[in-house]
Amino acid sequence: MAKESMKAREVKRKKLVDKYAEKRAKLKAEGDYIGLSKLPRNSSKVRLHNRCSLTGRPKGYMRQFGLSRITFREMASAGLIPGIKKASW
């Protein structure tokens, strides 16, 4: 389980990325790198970190499902993910 402060930090970064997305794209298209450097650092999309939507775990993240590998395995074993069968784990 991730700390609540870490989850909150990711939410805050996501809001900043959304807020500055258009401005950042415009500055990049113009080639204004000085203007880009004046924007907040956390407004860059690169600063976002993928986290499991249920537990907040940052490692072992599976993009297709939005879950960590551990949560995915638990849900698949319980039959909560349609189309996934337990094969050989």
PDB file of N, CA and C in Angstrom:
ATOM      1  N   MET A   1       0.833  -1.181   0.000  1.00  0.00           N
ATOM      2  CA  MET A   1       0.000   0.000   0.000  1.00  0.00           C
ATOM      3  C   MET A   1       0.884   1.253   0.000  1.00  0.00           C
ATOM      4  N   ALA A   2       0.622   2.141  -0.880  1.00  0.00           N
ATOM      5  CA  ALA A   2       1.395   3.374  -0.950  1.00  0.00           C
ATOM      6  C   ALA A   2       0.918   4.353   0.110  1.00  0.00           C
ATOM      7  N   LYS A   3       1.820   5.224   0.512  1.00  0.00           N
ATOM      8  CA  LYS A   3       1.454   6.247   1.479  1.00  0.00           C
ATOM      9  C   LYS A   3       0.446   7.207   0.844  1.00  0.00           C
ATOM     10  N   GLU A   4      -0.425   7.726   1.673  1.00  0.00           N
ATOM     11  CA  GLU A   4      -1.427   8.681   1.172  1.00  0.00           C
ATOM     12  C   GLU A   4      -0.753   9.928   0.622  1.00  0.00           C
ATOM     13  N   SER A   5       0.364  10.338   1.224  1.00  0.00           N
ATOM     14  CA  SER A   5       1.057  11.541   0.751  1.00  0.00           C
ATOM     15  C   SER A   5       1.618  11.331  -0.657  1.00  0.00           C
ATOM     16  N   MET A   6       2.066  10.108  -0.952  1.00  0.00           N
ATOM     17  CA  MET A   6       2.595   9.830  -2.287  1.00  0.00           C
ATOM     18  C   MET A   6       1.476   9.838  -3.321  1.00  0.00           C
ATOM     19  N   LYS A   7       0.334   9.275  -2.951  1.00  0.00           N
ATOM     20  CA  LYS A   7      -0.817   9.290  -3.863  1.00  0.00           C
ATOM     21  C   LYS A   7      -1.263  10.723  -4.118  1.00  0.00           C
ATOM     22  N   ALA A   8      -1.292  11.535  -3.063  1.00  0.00           N
ATOM     23  CA  ALA A   8      -1.713  12.932  -3.198  1.00  0.00           C
ATOM     24  C   ALA A   8      -0.746  13.714  -4.085  1.00  0.00           C
ATOM     25  N   ARG A   9       0.536  13.406  -3.970  1.00  0.00           N
ATOM     26  CA  ARG A   9       1.542  14.089  -4.791  1.00  0.00           C
ATOM     27  C   ARG A   9       1.318  13.780  -6.271  1.00  0.00           C
ATOM     28  N   GLU A  10       0.979  12.529  -6.575  1.00  0.00           N
ATOM     29  CA  GLU A  10       0.712  12.145  -7.963  1.00  0.00           C
ATOM     30  C   GLU A  10      -0.538  12.836  -8.504  1.00  0.00           C
ATOM     31  N   VAL A  11      -1.555  12.977  -7.672  1.00  0.00           N
ATOM     32  CA  VAL A  11      -2.785  13.664  -8.085  1.00  0.00           C
ATOM     33  C   VAL A  11      -2.481  15.132  -8.387  1.00  0.00           C
ATOM     34  N   LYS A  12      -1.659  15.740  -7.543  1.00  0.00           N
ATOM     35  CA  LYS A  12      -1.283  17.139  -7.725  1.00  0.00           C
ATOM     36  C   LYS A  12      -0.501  17.319  -9.037  1.00  0.00           C
ATOM     37  N   ARG A  13       0.419  16.391  -9.313  1.00  0.00           N
ATOM     38  CA  ARG A  13       1.182  16.459 -10.560  1.00  0.00           C
ATOM     39  C   ARG A  13       0.275  16.296 -11.772  1.00  0.00           C
ATOM     40  N   LYS A  14      -0.699  15.396 -11.679  1.00  0.00           N
ATOM     41  CA  LYS A  14      -1.632  15.160 -12.790  1.00  0.00           C
ATOM     42  C   LYS A  14      -2.405  16.429 -13.108  1.00  0.00           C
ATOM     43  N   LYS A  15      -2.836  17.152 -12.070  1.00  0.00           N
ATOM     44  CA  LYS A  15      -3.563  18.404 -12.278  1.00  0.00           C
ATOM     45  C   LYS A  15      -2.676  19.435 -12.967  1.00  0.00           C
ATOM     46  N   LEU A  16      -1.408  19.532 -12.550  1.00  0.00           N
ATOM     47  CA  LEU A  16      -0.479  20.480 -13.164  1.00  0.00           C
ATOM     48  C   LEU A  16      -0.238  20.136 -14.638  1.00  0.00           C
ATOM     49  N   VAL A  17      -0.090  18.858 -14.939  1.00  0.00           N
ATOM     50  CA  VAL A  17       0.131  18.433 -16.327  1.00  0.00           C
ATOM     51  C   VAL A  17      -1.062  18.826 -17.184  1.00  0.00           C
ATOM     52  N   ASP A  18      -2.271  18.582 -16.681  1.00  0.00           N
ATOM     53  CA  ASP A  18      -3.481  18.933 -17.424  1.00  0.00           C
ATOM     54  C   ASP A  18      -3.603  20.439 -17.614  1.00  0.00           C
ATOM     55  N   LYS A  19      -3.233  21.177 -16.588  1.00  0.00           N
ATOM     56  CA  LYS A  19      -3.355  22.641 -16.626  1.00  0.00           C
ATOM     57  C   LYS A  19      -2.426  23.268 -17.672  1.00  0.00           C
ATOM     58  N   TYR A  20      -1.206  22.762 -17.763  1.00  0.00           N
ATOM     59  CA  TYR A  20      -0.206  23.372 -18.639  1.00  0.00           C
ATOM     60  C   TYR A  20      -0.012  22.646 -19.965  1.00  0.00           C
ATOM     61  N   ALA A  21      -0.821  21.655 -20.286  1.00  0.00           N
ATOM     62  CA  ALA A  21      -0.617  20.847 -21.489  1.00  0.00           C
ATOM     63  C   ALA A  21      -0.667  21.698 -22.765  1.00  0.00           C
ATOM     64  N   GLU A  22      -1.681  22.534 -22.895  1.00  0.00           N
ATOM     65  CA  GLU A  22      -1.807  23.354 -24.111  1.00  0.00           C
ATOM     66  C   GLU A  22      -0.668  24.362 -24.226  1.00  0.00           C
ATOM     67  N   LYS A  23      -0.368  25.022 -23.125  1.00  0.00           N
ATOM     68  CA  LYS A  23       0.695  26.030 -23.129  1.00  0.00           C
ATOM     69  C   LYS A  23       2.038  25.383 -23.473  1.00  0.00           C
ATOM     70  N   ARG A  24       2.292  24.204 -22.908  1.00  0.00           N
ATOM     71  CA  ARG A  24       3.528  23.488 -23.155  1.00  0.00           C
ATOM     72  C   ARG A  24       3.637  23.083 -24.627  1.00  0.00           C
ATOM     73  N   ALA A  25       2.535  22.597 -25.217  1.00  0.00           N
ATOM     74  CA  ALA A  25       2.534  22.187 -26.630  1.00  0.00           C
ATOM     75  C   ALA A  25       2.785  23.392 -27.536  1.00  0.00           C
ATOM     76  N   LYS A  26       2.175  24.519 -27.193  1.00  0.00           N
ATOM     77  CA  LYS A  26       2.353  25.742 -27.992  1.00  0.00           C
ATOM     78  C   LYS A  26       3.809  26.208 -27.950  1.00  0.00           C
ATOM     79  N   LEU A  27       4.404  26.226 -26.767  1.00  0.00           N
ATOM     80  CA  LEU A  27       5.797  26.658 -26.626  1.00  0.00           C
ATOM     81  C   LEU A  27       6.750  25.707 -27.354  1.00  0.00           C
ATOM     82  N   LYS A  28       6.462  24.421 -27.309  1.00  0.00           N
ATOM     83  CA  LYS A  28       7.304  23.446 -28.012  1.00  0.00           C
ATOM     84  C   LYS A  28       7.228  23.643 -29.511  1.00  0.00           C
ATOM     85  N   ALA A  29       6.006  23.906 -30.018  1.00  0.00           N
ATOM     86  CA  ALA A  29       5.826  24.112 -31.460  1.00  0.00           C
ATOM     87  C   ALA A  29       6.579  25.345 -31.934  1.00  0.00           C
ATOM     88  N   GLU A  30       6.617  26.373 -31.092  1.00  0.00           N
ATOM     89  CA  GLU A  30       7.326  27.606 -31.442  1.00  0.00           C
ATOM     90  C   GLU A  30       8.832  27.476 -31.255  1.00  0.00           C
ATOM     91  N   GLY A  31       9.251  26.477 -30.496  1.00  0.00           N
ATOM     92  CA  GLY A  31      10.675  26.310 -30.215  1.00  0.00           C
ATOM     93  C   GLY A  31      11.167  27.235 -29.116  1.00  0.00           C
ATOM     94  N   ASP A  32      10.256  27.724 -28.287  1.00  0.00           N
ATOM     95  CA  ASP A  32      10.592  28.644 -27.202  1.00  0.00           C
ATOM     96  C   ASP A  32      10.988  27.852 -25.953  1.00  0.00           C
ATOM     97  N   TYR A  33      12.257  27.457 -25.903  1.00  0.00           N
ATOM     98  CA  TYR A  33      12.722  26.630 -24.799  1.00  0.00           C
ATOM     99  C   TYR A  33      12.961  27.440 -23.528  1.00  0.00           C
ATOM    100  N   ILE A  34      13.161  28.722 -23.672  1.00  0.00           N
ATOM    101  CA  ILE A  34      13.290  29.588 -22.488  1.00  0.00           C
ATOM    102  C   ILE A  34      11.942  29.684 -21.790  1.00  0.00           C
ATOM    103  N   GLY A  35      10.874  29.823 -22.568  1.00  0.00           N
ATOM    104  CA  GLY A  35       9.526  29.850 -22.001  1.00  0.00           C
ATOM    105  C   GLY A  35       9.167  28.528 -21.344  1.00  0.00           C
ATOM    106  N   LEU A  36       9.608  27.417 -21.960  1.00  0.00           N
ATOM    107  CA  LEU A  36       9.356  26.098 -21.378  1.00  0.00           C
ATOM    108  C   LEU A  36      10.070  25.943 -20.040  1.00  0.00           C
ATOM    109  N   SER A  37      11.271  26.484 -19.944  1.00  0.00           N
ATOM    110  CA  SER A  37      12.030  26.340 -18.705  1.00  0.00           C
ATOM    111  C   SER A  37      11.427  27.141 -17.553  1.00  0.00           C
ATOM    112  N   LYS A  38      10.585  28.111 -17.875  1.00  0.00           N
ATOM    113  CA  LYS A  38       9.950  28.936 -16.834  1.00  0.00           C
ATOM    114  C   LYS A  38       8.679  28.295 -16.275  1.00  0.00           C
ATOM    115  N   LEU A  39       8.174  27.261 -16.960  1.00  0.00           N
ATOM    116  CA  LEU A  39       6.998  26.550 -16.454  1.00  0.00           C
ATOM    117  C   LEU A  39       7.404  25.685 -15.259  1.00  0.00           C
ATOM    118  N   PRO A  40       6.446  25.343 -14.392  1.00  0.00           N
ATOM    119  CA  PRO A  40       6.784  24.466 -13.260  1.00  0.00           C
ATOM    120  C   PRO A  40       7.312  23.119 -13.750  1.00  0.00           C
ATOM    121  N   ARG A  41       8.283  22.572 -13.061  1.00  0.00           N
ATOM    122  CA  ARG A  41       8.882  21.303 -13.478  1.00  0.00           C
ATOM    123  C   ARG A  41       7.870  20.164 -13.452  1.00  0.00           C
ATOM    124  N   ASN A  42       6.995  20.161 -12.469  1.00  0.00           N
ATOM    125  CA  ASN A  42       6.024  19.076 -12.351  1.00  0.00           C
ATOM    126  C   ASN A  42       4.902  19.173 -13.370  1.00  0.00           C
ATOM    127  N   SER A  43       4.931  20.184 -14.230  1.00  0.00           N
ATOM    128  CA  SER A  43       3.915  20.282 -15.269  1.00  0.00           C
ATOM    129  C   SER A  43       4.290  19.460 -16.499  1.00  0.00           C
ATOM    130  N   SER A  44       5.468  18.833 -16.464  1.00  0.00           N
ATOM    131  CA  SER A  44       5.894  17.971 -17.556  1.00  0.00           C
ATOM    132  C   SER A  44       5.272  16.589 -17.406  1.00  0.00           C
ATOM    133  N   LYS A  45       4.812  16.026 -18.515  1.00  0.00           N
ATOM    134  CA  LYS A  45       4.171  14.715 -18.503  1.00  0.00           C
ATOM    135  C   LYS A  45       5.144  13.619 -18.076  1.00  0.00           C
ATOM    136  N   VAL A  46       6.429  13.846 -18.295  1.00  0.00           N
ATOM    137  CA  VAL A  46       7.455  12.876 -17.951  1.00  0.00           C
ATOM    138  C   VAL A  46       7.522  12.655 -16.436  1.00  0.00           C
ATOM    139  N   ARG A  47       7.126  13.642 -15.661  1.00  0.00           N
ATOM    140  CA  ARG A  47       7.202  13.545 -14.205  1.00  0.00           C
ATOM    141  C   ARG A  47       6.126  12.647 -13.592  1.00  0.00           C
ATOM    142  N   LEU A  48       5.105  12.286 -14.369  1.00  0.00           N
ATOM    143  CA  LEU A  48       4.047  11.429 -13.836  1.00  0.00           C
ATOM    144  C   LEU A  48       4.573  10.011 -13.653  1.00  0.00           C
ATOM    145  N   HIS A  49       4.050   9.341 -12.643  1.00  0.00           N
ATOM    146  CA  HIS A  49       4.454   7.961 -12.356  1.00  0.00           C
ATOM    147  C   HIS A  49       3.210   7.096 -12.359  1.00  0.00           C
ATOM    148  N   ASN A  50       3.237   6.006 -13.094  1.00  0.00           N
ATOM    149  CA  ASN A  50       2.093   5.098 -13.121  1.00  0.00           C
ATOM    150  C   ASN A  50       1.953   4.393 -11.781  1.00  0.00           C
ATOM    151  N   ARG A  51       0.719   4.335 -11.272  1.00  0.00           N
ATOM    152  CA  ARG A  51       0.449   3.659 -10.012  1.00  0.00           C
ATOM    153  C   ARG A  51      -0.786   2.794 -10.162  1.00  0.00           C
ATOM    154  N   CYS A  52      -0.824   1.721  -9.387  1.00  0.00           N
ATOM    155  CA  CYS A  52      -1.983   0.828  -9.356  1.00  0.00           C
ATOM    156  C   CYS A  52      -3.194   1.630  -8.890  1.00  0.00           C
ATOM    157  N   SER A  53      -4.320   1.459  -9.568  1.00  0.00           N
ATOM    158  CA  SER A  53      -5.511   2.243  -9.227  1.00  0.00           C
ATOM    159  C   SER A  53      -6.133   1.801  -7.905  1.00  0.00           C
ATOM    160  N   LEU A  54      -5.854   0.582  -7.454  1.00  0.00           N
ATOM    161  CA  LEU A  54      -6.434   0.097  -6.195  1.00  0.00           C
ATOM    162  C   LEU A  54      -5.506   0.287  -5.000  1.00  0.00           C
ATOM    163  N   THR A  55      -4.244  -0.086  -5.157  1.00  0.00           N
ATOM    164  CA  THR A  55      -3.328  -0.045  -4.021  1.00  0.00           C
ATOM    165  C   THR A  55      -2.373   1.134  -4.046  1.00  0.00           C
ATOM    166  N   GLY A  56      -2.151   1.722  -5.207  1.00  0.00           N
ATOM    167  CA  GLY A  56      -1.210   2.831  -5.315  1.00  0.00           C
ATOM    168  C   GLY A  56       0.229   2.379  -5.494  1.00  0.00           C
ATOM    169  N   ARG A  57       0.440   1.090  -5.672  1.00  0.00           N
ATOM    170  CA  ARG A  57       1.787   0.543  -5.822  1.00  0.00           C
ATOM    171  C   ARG A  57       2.417   1.040  -7.129  1.00  0.00           C
ATOM    172  N   PRO A  58       3.650   1.591  -7.067  1.00  0.00           N
ATOM    173  CA  PRO A  58       4.269   2.133  -8.270  1.00  0.00           C
ATOM    174  C   PRO A  58       5.021   1.102  -9.111  1.00  0.00           C
ATOM    175  N   LYS A  59       5.405  -0.014  -8.501  1.00  0.00           N
ATOM    176  CA  LYS A  59       6.212  -0.996  -9.237  1.00  0.00           C
ATOM    177  C   LYS A  59       5.338  -2.141  -9.742  1.00  0.00           C
ATOM    178  N   GLY A  60       5.766  -2.750 -10.836  1.00  0.00           N
ATOM    179  CA  GLY A  60       5.035  -3.875 -11.399  1.00  0.00           C
ATOM    180  C   GLY A  60       3.695  -3.444 -11.979  1.00  0.00           C
ATOM    181  N   TYR A  61       3.654  -2.259 -12.570  1.00  0.00           N
ATOM    182  CA  TYR A  61       2.412  -1.694 -13.108  1.00  0.00           C
ATOM    183  C   TYR A  61       2.123  -2.260 -14.492  1.00  0.00           C
ATOM    184  N   MET A  62       0.873  -2.655 -14.732  1.00  0.00           N
ATOM    185  CA  MET A  62       0.455  -3.173 -16.044  1.00  0.00           C
ATOM    186  C   MET A  62      -0.485  -2.148 -16.676  1.00  0.00           C
ATOM    187  N   ARG A  63      -0.010  -1.465 -17.726  1.00  0.00           N
ATOM    188  CA  ARG A  63      -0.773  -0.379 -18.352  1.00  0.00           C
ATOM    189  C   ARG A  63      -2.142  -0.810 -18.861  1.00  0.00           C
ATOM    190  N   GLN A  64      -2.199  -1.973 -19.456  1.00  0.00           N
ATOM    191  CA  GLN A  64      -3.439  -2.443 -20.080  1.00  0.00           C
ATOM    192  C   GLN A  64      -4.579  -2.526 -19.070  1.00  0.00           C
ATOM    193  N   PHE A  65      -4.255  -2.842 -17.829  1.00  0.00           N
ATOM    194  CA  PHE A  65      -5.281  -3.014 -16.812  1.00  0.00           C
ATOM    195  C   PHE A  65      -5.283  -1.900 -15.771  1.00  0.00           C
ATOM    196  N   GLY A  66      -4.208  -1.135 -15.688  1.00  0.00           N
ATOM    197  CA  GLY A  66      -4.120  -0.068 -14.698  1.00  0.00           C
ATOM    198  C   GLY A  66      -3.923  -0.597 -13.289  1.00  0.00           C
ATOM    199  N   LEU A  67      -3.349  -1.812 -13.186  1.00  0.00           N
ATOM    200  CA  LEU A  67      -3.159  -2.470 -11.895  1.00  0.00           C
ATOM    201  C   LEU A  67      -1.707  -2.912 -11.742  1.00  0.00           C
ATOM    202  N   SER A  68      -1.302  -3.134 -10.489  1.00  0.00           N
ATOM    203  CA  SER A  68       0.006  -3.728 -10.264  1.00  0.00           C
ATOM    204  C   SER A  68      -0.101  -5.223 -10.522  1.00  0.00           C
ATOM    205  N   ARG A  69       1.019  -5.876 -10.683  1.00  0.00           N
ATOM    206  CA  ARG A  69       1.029  -7.306 -10.996  1.00  0.00           C
ATOM    207  C   ARG A  69       0.417  -8.133  -9.871  1.00  0.00           C
ATOM    208  N   ILE A  70       0.615  -7.700  -8.637  1.00  0.00           N
ATOM    209  CA  ILE A  70       0.094  -8.448  -7.492  1.00  0.00           C
ATOM    210  C   ILE A  70      -1.431  -8.355  -7.441  1.00  0.00           C
ATOM    211  N   THR A  71      -1.958  -7.149  -7.608  1.00  0.00           N
ATOM    212  CA  THR A  71      -3.407  -6.946  -7.601  1.00  0.00           C
ATOM    213  C   THR A  71      -4.045  -7.671  -8.779  1.00  0.00           C
ATOM    214  N   PHE A  72      -3.371  -7.598  -9.945  1.00  0.00           N
ATOM    215  CA  PHE A  72      -3.870  -8.288 -11.129  1.00  0.00           C
ATOM    216  C   PHE A  72      -3.991  -9.791 -10.870  1.00  0.00           C
ATOM    217  N   ARG A  73      -2.957 -10.355 -10.267  1.00  0.00           N
ATOM    218  CA  ARG A  73      -2.949 -11.799 -10.003  1.00  0.00           C
ATOM    219  C   ARG A  73      -4.060 -12.191  -9.034  1.00  0.00           C
ATOM    220  N   GLU A  74      -4.254 -11.391  -7.976  1.00  0.00           N
ATOM    221  CA  GLU A  74      -5.313 -11.676  -6.999  1.00  0.00           C
ATOM    222  C   GLU A  74      -6.688 -11.613  -7.650  1.00  0.00           C
ATOM    223  N   MET A  75      -6.904 -10.581  -8.475  1.00  0.00           N
ATOM    224  CA  MET A  75      -8.206 -10.417  -9.120  1.00  0.00           C
ATOM    225  C   MET A  75      -8.452 -11.513 -10.158  1.00  0.00           C
ATOM    226  N   ALA A  76      -7.408 -11.899 -10.893  1.00  0.00           N
ATOM    227  CA  ALA A  76      -7.552 -12.955 -11.897  1.00  0.00           C
ATOM    228  C   ALA A  76      -7.868 -14.290 -11.222  1.00  0.00           C
ATOM    229  N   SER A  77      -7.225 -14.564 -10.107  1.00  0.00           N
ATOM    230  CA  SER A  77      -7.475 -15.812  -9.382  1.00  0.00           C
ATOM    231  C   SER A  77      -8.889 -15.861  -8.833  1.00  0.00           C
ATOM    232  N   ALA A  78      -9.414 -14.700  -8.464  1.00  0.00           N
ATOM    233  CA  ALA A  78     -10.777 -14.629  -7.931  1.00  0.00           C
ATOM    234  C   ALA A  78     -11.820 -14.588  -9.049  1.00  0.00           C
ATOM    235  N   GLY A  79     -11.366 -14.478 -10.306  1.00  0.00           N
ATOM    236  CA  GLY A  79     -12.287 -14.451 -11.441  1.00  0.00           C
ATOM    237  C   GLY A  79     -12.933 -13.098 -11.657  1.00  0.00           C
ATOM    238  N   LEU A  80     -12.289 -12.038 -11.185  1.00  0.00           N
ATOM    239  CA  LEU A  80     -12.859 -10.691 -11.303  1.00  0.00           C
ATOM    240  C   LEU A  80     -12.487  -9.987 -12.601  1.00  0.00           C
ATOM    241  N   ILE A  81     -11.525 -10.521 -13.341  1.00  0.00           N
ATOM    242  CA  ILE A  81     -11.114  -9.924 -14.615  1.00  0.00           C
ATOM    243  C   ILE A  81     -11.617 -10.843 -15.727  1.00  0.00           C
ATOM    244  N   PRO A  82     -12.572 -10.387 -16.532  1.00  0.00           N
ATOM    245  CA  PRO A  82     -13.115 -11.246 -17.587  1.00  0.00           C
ATOM    246  C   PRO A  82     -12.073 -11.549 -18.663  1.00  0.00           C
ATOM    247  N   GLY A  83     -12.088 -12.793 -19.148  1.00  0.00           N
ATOM    248  CA  GLY A  83     -11.205 -13.199 -20.217  1.00  0.00           C
ATOM    249  C   GLY A  83      -9.838 -13.672 -19.766  1.00  0.00           C
ATOM    250  N   ILE A  84      -9.580 -13.639 -18.469  1.00  0.00           N
ATOM    251  CA  ILE A  84      -8.279 -14.073 -17.956  1.00  0.00           C
ATOM    252  C   ILE A  84      -8.455 -15.396 -17.230  1.00  0.00           C
ATOM    253  N   LYS A  85      -7.670 -16.386 -17.634  1.00  0.00           N
ATOM    254  CA  LYS A  85      -7.707 -17.693 -16.988  1.00  0.00           C
ATOM    255  C   LYS A  85      -6.387 -17.918 -16.265  1.00  0.00           C
ATOM    256  N   LYS A  86      -6.446 -18.619 -15.169  1.00  0.00           N
ATOM    257  CA  LYS A  86      -5.235 -18.983 -14.455  1.00  0.00           C
ATOM    258  C   LYS A  86      -4.579 -20.112 -15.242  1.00  0.00           C
ATOM    259  N   ALA A  87      -3.392 -19.868 -15.762  1.00  0.00           N
ATOM    260  CA  ALA A  87      -2.743 -20.870 -16.579  1.00  0.00           C
ATOM    261  C   ALA A  87      -1.705 -21.655 -15.773  1.00  0.00           C
ATOM    262  N   SER A  88      -0.596 -21.031 -15.440  1.00  0.00           N
ATOM    263  CA  SER A  88       0.457 -21.796 -14.788  1.00  0.00           C
ATOM    264  C   SER A  88       1.189 -20.975 -13.731  1.00  0.00           C
ATOM    265  N   TRP A  89       0.521 -20.107 -13.064  1.00  0.00           N
ATOM    266  CA  TRP A  89       1.244 -19.405 -12.010  1.00  0.00           C
ATOM    267  C   TRP A  89       0.829 -20.002 -10.745  1.00  0.00           C
TER     268      TRP A  89
END
